[in-house]
C-alpha atoms as a PDB file:
ATOM      1  CA  MET A   1     -54.501  27.073-174.734  1.00  0.00           C
ATOM      2  CA  ALA A   2     -56.538  25.533-177.524  1.00  0.00           C
ATOM      3  CA  SER A   3     -58.869  27.759-179.495  1.00  0.00           C
ATOM      4  CA  ALA A   4     -62.415  28.112-178.217  1.00  0.00           C
ATOM      5  CA  GLU A   5     -63.711  26.202-181.251  1.00  0.00           C
ATOM      6  CA  ALA A   6     -61.257  23.365-180.516  1.00  0.00           C
ATOM      7  CA  LYS A   7     -62.395  23.315-176.868  1.00  0.00           C
ATOM      8  CA  ILE A   8     -66.014  22.882-177.980  1.00  0.00           C
ATOM      9  CA  VAL A   9     -64.964  19.802-179.962  1.00  0.00           C
ATOM     10  CA  GLU A  10     -62.793  18.524-177.094  1.00  0.00           C
ATOM     11  CA  LEU A  11     -65.716  18.892-174.661  1.00  0.00           C
ATOM     12  CA  GLY A  12     -68.029  17.078-177.099  1.00  0.00           C
ATOM     13  CA  LEU A  13     -70.510  19.951-177.177  1.00  0.00           C
ATOM     14  CA  THR A  14     -72.993  20.657-179.943  1.00  0.00           C
ATOM     15  CA  LEU A  15     -73.973  24.316-180.083  1.00  0.00           C
ATOM     16  CA  PRO A  16     -77.597  24.993-180.999  1.00  0.00           C
ATOM     17  CA  ASP A  17     -78.909  27.627-183.357  1.00  0.00           C
ATOM     18  CA  PRO A  18     -80.117  30.758-181.551  1.00  0.00           C
ATOM     19  CA  PRO A  19     -83.598  30.457-180.073  1.00  0.00           C
ATOM     20  CA  LYS A  20     -86.425  32.294-181.813  1.00  0.00           C
ATOM     21  CA  SER A  21     -87.320  35.611-180.211  1.00  0.00           C
ATOM     22  CA  ALA A  22     -90.538  35.628-178.197  1.00  0.00           C
ATOM     23  CA  GLY A  23     -91.215  39.267-178.962  1.00  0.00           C
ATOM     24  CA  ASN A  24     -89.927  42.409-180.575  1.00  0.00           C
ATOM     25  CA  TYR A  25     -86.228  41.855-179.853  1.00  0.00           C
ATOM     26  CA  ILE A  26     -83.287  40.017-181.394  1.00  0.00           C
ATOM     27  CA  PRO A  27     -80.936  37.354-179.974  1.00  0.00           C
ATOM     28  CA  PHE A  28     -77.890  39.645-180.041  1.00  0.00           C
ATOM     29  CA  VAL A  29     -76.632  43.137-180.782  1.00  0.00           C
ATOM     30  CA  ILE A  30     -73.102  44.143-181.719  1.00  0.00           C
ATOM     31  CA  ALA A  31     -72.132  47.646-180.591  1.00  0.00           C
ATOM     32  CA  GLY A  32     -68.535  48.568-181.312  1.00  0.00           C
ATOM     33  CA  ASN A  33     -66.388  45.754-179.970  1.00  0.00           C
ATOM     34  CA  LEU A  34     -69.082  44.392-177.639  1.00  0.00           C
ATOM     35  CA  LEU A  35     -71.547  41.596-178.303  1.00  0.00           C
ATOM     36  CA  PHE A  36     -74.680  41.728-176.149  1.00  0.00           C
ATOM     37  CA  VAL A  37     -76.525  38.406-175.993  1.00  0.00           C
ATOM     38  CA  SER A  38     -80.194  38.379-174.951  1.00  0.00           C
ATOM     39  CA  GLY A  39     -81.245  36.280-171.997  1.00  0.00           C
ATOM     40  CA  SER A  40     -81.734  32.573-172.662  1.00  0.00           C
ATOM     41  CA  GLY A  41     -83.175  29.708-170.685  1.00  0.00           C
ATOM     42  CA  PRO A  42     -82.192  26.047-170.333  1.00  0.00           C
ATOM     43  CA  ARG A  43     -83.263  24.722-173.730  1.00  0.00           C
ATOM     44  CA  LEU A  44     -82.972  21.009-174.449  1.00  0.00           C
ATOM     45  CA  PRO A  45     -81.984  19.706-177.916  1.00  0.00           C
ATOM     46  CA  SER A  46     -85.695  18.910-178.447  1.00  0.00           C
ATOM     47  CA  GLY A  47     -86.461  22.632-178.131  1.00  0.00           C
ATOM     48  CA  ASP A  48     -88.242  22.146-174.803  1.00  0.00           C
ATOM     49  CA  TYR A  49     -87.134  24.077-171.727  1.00  0.00           C
ATOM     50  CA  LYS A  50     -86.329  22.928-168.193  1.00  0.00           C
ATOM     51  CA  HIS A  51     -88.952  24.216-165.753  1.00  0.00           C
ATOM     52  CA  GLY A  52     -89.344  24.495-162.009  1.00  0.00           C
ATOM     53  CA  LYS A  53     -88.547  26.463-158.919  1.00  0.00           C
ATOM     54  CA  VAL A  54     -85.116  25.935-157.381  1.00  0.00           C
ATOM     55  CA  GLY A  55     -85.410  24.921-153.751  1.00  0.00           C
ATOM     56  CA  ARG A  56     -88.787  23.243-154.307  1.00  0.00           C
ATOM     57  CA  ASP A  57     -88.968  21.361-157.637  1.00  0.00           C
ATOM     58  CA  VAL A  58     -85.320  21.536-158.669  1.00  0.00           C
ATOM     59  CA  THR A  59     -82.163  20.844-156.667  1.00  0.00           C
ATOM     60  CA  PRO A  60     -79.272  23.317-156.749  1.00  0.00           C
ATOM     61  CA  GLU A  61     -77.193  20.628-158.497  1.00  0.00           C
ATOM     62  CA  ASP A  62     -79.786  20.201-161.252  1.00  0.00           C
ATOM     63  CA  ALA A  63     -80.106  23.983-161.570  1.00  0.00           C
ATOM     64  CA  TYR A  64     -76.292  24.186-161.964  1.00  0.00           C
ATOM     65  CA  GLN A  65     -76.643  21.823-164.943  1.00  0.00           C
ATOM     66  CA  ASP A  66     -79.487  23.988-166.273  1.00  0.00           C
ATOM     67  CA  ALA A  67     -77.199  27.041-166.092  1.00  0.00           C
ATOM     68  CA  ARG A  68     -74.530  25.085-167.989  1.00  0.00           C
ATOM     69  CA  LEU A  69     -77.157  24.264-170.608  1.00  0.00           C
ATOM     70  CA  VAL A  70     -77.921  27.992-170.905  1.00  0.00           C
ATOM     71  CA  GLY A  71     -74.207  28.601-171.404  1.00  0.00           C
ATOM     72  CA  ILE A  72     -74.239  26.199-174.350  1.00  0.00           C
ATOM     73  CA  THR A  73     -77.150  28.142-175.848  1.00  0.00           C
ATOM     74  CA  LEU A  74     -75.330  31.454-175.305  1.00  0.00           C
ATOM     75  CA  LEU A  75     -72.282  30.035-177.100  1.00  0.00           C
ATOM     76  CA  GLY A  76     -74.523  29.020-179.995  1.00  0.00           C
ATOM     77  CA  VAL A  77     -75.735  32.609-180.257  1.00  0.00           C
ATOM     78  CA  VAL A  78     -72.155  33.894-180.119  1.00  0.00           C
ATOM     79  CA  ARG A  79     -71.107  31.567-182.940  1.00  0.00           C
ATOM     80  CA  ALA A  80     -74.129  32.636-185.019  1.00  0.00           C
ATOM     81  CA  ALA A  81     -73.298  36.304-184.408  1.00  0.00           C
ATOM     82  CA  LEU A  82     -69.553  36.113-185.050  1.00  0.00           C
ATOM     83  CA  GLY A  83     -69.076  33.058-187.255  1.00  0.00           C
ATOM     84  CA  SER A  84     -66.551  31.625-184.791  1.00  0.00           C
ATOM     85  CA  LEU A  85     -66.068  31.562-181.026  1.00  0.00           C
ATOM     86  CA  ASP A  86     -62.417  32.332-181.704  1.00  0.00           C
ATOM     87  CA  ARG A  87     -63.424  35.969-182.298  1.00  0.00           C
ATOM     88  CA  VAL A  88     -64.263  36.333-178.597  1.00  0.00           C
ATOM     89  CA  LYS A  89     -61.558  38.347-176.882  1.00  0.00           C
ATOM     90  CA  ARG A  90     -63.065  37.909-173.418  1.00  0.00           C
ATOM     91  CA  VAL A  91     -66.292  37.321-171.557  1.00  0.00           C
ATOM     92  CA  VAL A  92     -67.136  40.654-169.916  1.00  0.00           C
ATOM     93  CA  LYS A  93     -70.316  40.157-167.849  1.00  0.00           C
ATOM     94  CA  LEU A  94     -73.104  37.723-167.029  1.00  0.00           C
ATOM     95  CA  LEU A  95     -76.441  38.410-165.405  1.00  0.00           C
ATOM     96  CA  GLY A  96     -77.851  35.166-164.036  1.00  0.00           C
ATOM     97  CA  MET A  97     -81.419  34.947-162.789  1.00  0.00           C
ATOM     98  CA  VAL A  98     -82.655  31.963-160.778  1.00  0.00           C
ATOM     99  CA  ASN A  99     -86.330  31.056-160.412  1.00  0.00           C
ATOM    100  CA  ALA A 100     -86.192  30.183-156.705  1.00  0.00           C
ATOM    101  CA  VAL A 101     -88.252  29.936-153.560  1.00  0.00           C
ATOM    102  CA  PRO A 102     -87.811  32.964-151.264  1.00  0.00           C
ATOM    103  CA  GLU A 103     -85.754  30.934-148.778  1.00  0.00           C
ATOM    104  CA  PHE A 104     -83.166  29.871-151.381  1.00  0.00           C
ATOM    105  CA  THR A 105     -79.854  31.700-150.919  1.00  0.00           C
ATOM    106  CA  ASP A 106     -77.321  29.908-153.131  1.00  0.00           C
ATOM    107  CA  HIS A 107     -77.942  31.666-156.462  1.00  0.00           C
ATOM    108  CA  PRO A 108     -74.213  32.096-157.223  1.00  0.00           C
ATOM    109  CA  ARG A 109     -73.638  28.328-157.006  1.00  0.00           C
ATOM    110  CA  VAL A 110     -76.387  27.775-159.588  1.00  0.00           C
ATOM    111  CA  ILE A 111     -75.025  30.353-162.052  1.00  0.00           C
ATOM    112  CA  ASN A 112     -71.561  28.816-161.662  1.00  0.00           C
ATOM    113  CA  GLY A 113     -72.831  26.204-164.135  1.00  0.00           C
ATOM    114  CA  CYS A 114     -72.587  28.799-166.891  1.00  0.00           C
ATOM    115  CA  SER A 115     -69.505  30.571-165.528  1.00  0.00           C
ATOM    116  CA  ASP A 116     -67.556  27.317-165.213  1.00  0.00           C
ATOM    117  CA  LEU A 117     -68.405  26.386-168.813  1.00  0.00           C
ATOM    118  CA  LEU A 118     -67.203  29.760-170.129  1.00  0.00           C
ATOM    119  CA  VAL A 119     -63.871  29.347-168.326  1.00  0.00           C
ATOM    120  CA  GLU A 120     -63.565  25.797-169.724  1.00  0.00           C
ATOM    121  CA  VAL A 121     -64.076  27.140-173.247  1.00  0.00           C
ATOM    122  CA  PHE A 122     -62.168  30.456-173.101  1.00  0.00           C
ATOM    123  CA  GLY A 123     -59.650  29.908-170.282  1.00  0.00           C
ATOM    124  CA  GLU A 124     -58.624  33.089-168.460  1.00  0.00           C
ATOM    125  CA  ALA A 125     -60.542  35.163-171.023  1.00  0.00           C
ATOM    126  CA  GLY A 126     -63.696  33.390-169.814  1.00  0.00           C
ATOM    127  CA  LYS A 127     -63.468  34.912-166.329  1.00  0.00           C
ATOM    128  CA  HIS A 128     -66.031  37.682-166.071  1.00  0.00           C
ATOM    129  CA  ALA A 129     -67.906  40.088-163.860  1.00  0.00           C
ATOM    130  CA  ARG A 130     -71.261  38.673-162.805  1.00  0.00           C
ATOM    131  CA  SER A 131     -74.500  39.144-160.934  1.00  0.00           C
ATOM    132  CA  ALA A 132     -76.561  36.190-159.704  1.00  0.00           C
ATOM    133  CA  VAL A 133     -80.031  37.000-158.416  1.00  0.00           C
ATOM    134  CA  GLY A 134     -83.159  35.165-157.381  1.00  0.00           C
ATOM    135  CA  LEU A 135     -86.556  35.979-158.819  1.00  0.00           C
ATOM    136  CA  GLY A 136     -90.086  34.926-157.931  1.00  0.00           C
ATOM    137  CA  SER A 137     -90.707  33.695-161.476  1.00  0.00           C
ATOM    138  CA  LEU A 138     -89.188  33.560-164.943  1.00  0.00           C
ATOM    139  CA  PRO A 139     -90.852  33.237-168.357  1.00  0.00           C
ATOM    140  CA  MET A 140     -92.557  29.850-168.813  1.00  0.00           C
ATOM    141  CA  GLN A 141     -91.368  29.016-165.264  1.00  0.00           C
ATOM    142  CA  ILE A 142     -87.873  28.165-166.582  1.00  0.00           C
ATOM    143  CA  THR A 143     -85.322  27.457-163.850  1.00  0.00           C
ATOM    144  CA  VAL A 144     -82.678  29.984-164.914  1.00  0.00           C
ATOM    145  CA  GLU A 145     -82.167  32.772-167.424  1.00  0.00           C
ATOM    146  CA  ILE A 146     -78.773  34.239-168.268  1.00  0.00           C
ATOM    147  CA  GLU A 147     -77.694  37.139-170.473  1.00  0.00           C
ATOM    148  CA  ALA A 148     -74.096  37.945-171.425  1.00  0.00           C
ATOM    149  CA  ILE A 149     -71.723  40.567-172.784  1.00  0.00           C
ATOM    150  CA  PHE A 150     -68.609  39.569-174.760  1.00  0.00           C
ATOM    151  CA  GLU A 151     -65.695  41.640-176.035  1.00  0.00           C
ATOM    152  CA  ILE A 152     -64.904  40.742-179.628  1.00  0.00           C
ATOM    153  CA  ALA A 153     -61.769  41.004-181.721  1.00  0.00           C
ATOM    154  CA  ASN A 154     -62.067  42.759-185.057  1.00  0.00           C
END
């Protein structure tokens, strides 16, 4: 398997700088051999975010792409924290939150956008534990928010 950094190039992805914190927190924390990445939303290269409620304004397919976009942001934070994605030993856990109408029931399919990307980049080490939940709203009415935990090599 190619290195994670080589996979990013192969996939033609450009990883963004970490988003600015909207409060009294930081984009990541390293504790021992774990990297905790704060929740991020679907941020476009312009800095704008994707908005809307899944099941009303946004299709599940578009929300899947939004979750993939969040995954790209998370990878940008990981690179900023570690200097290289190749220091990731494995993806441990994701918490995916979907801004959805109460009747929407396919939250896992939406968060697969991020999960699938992580497996593309890290291979077997990208497979992770995960929760995918629906919420009545998210900050700025973004479509999805995802936080992650990574195991890192020393």
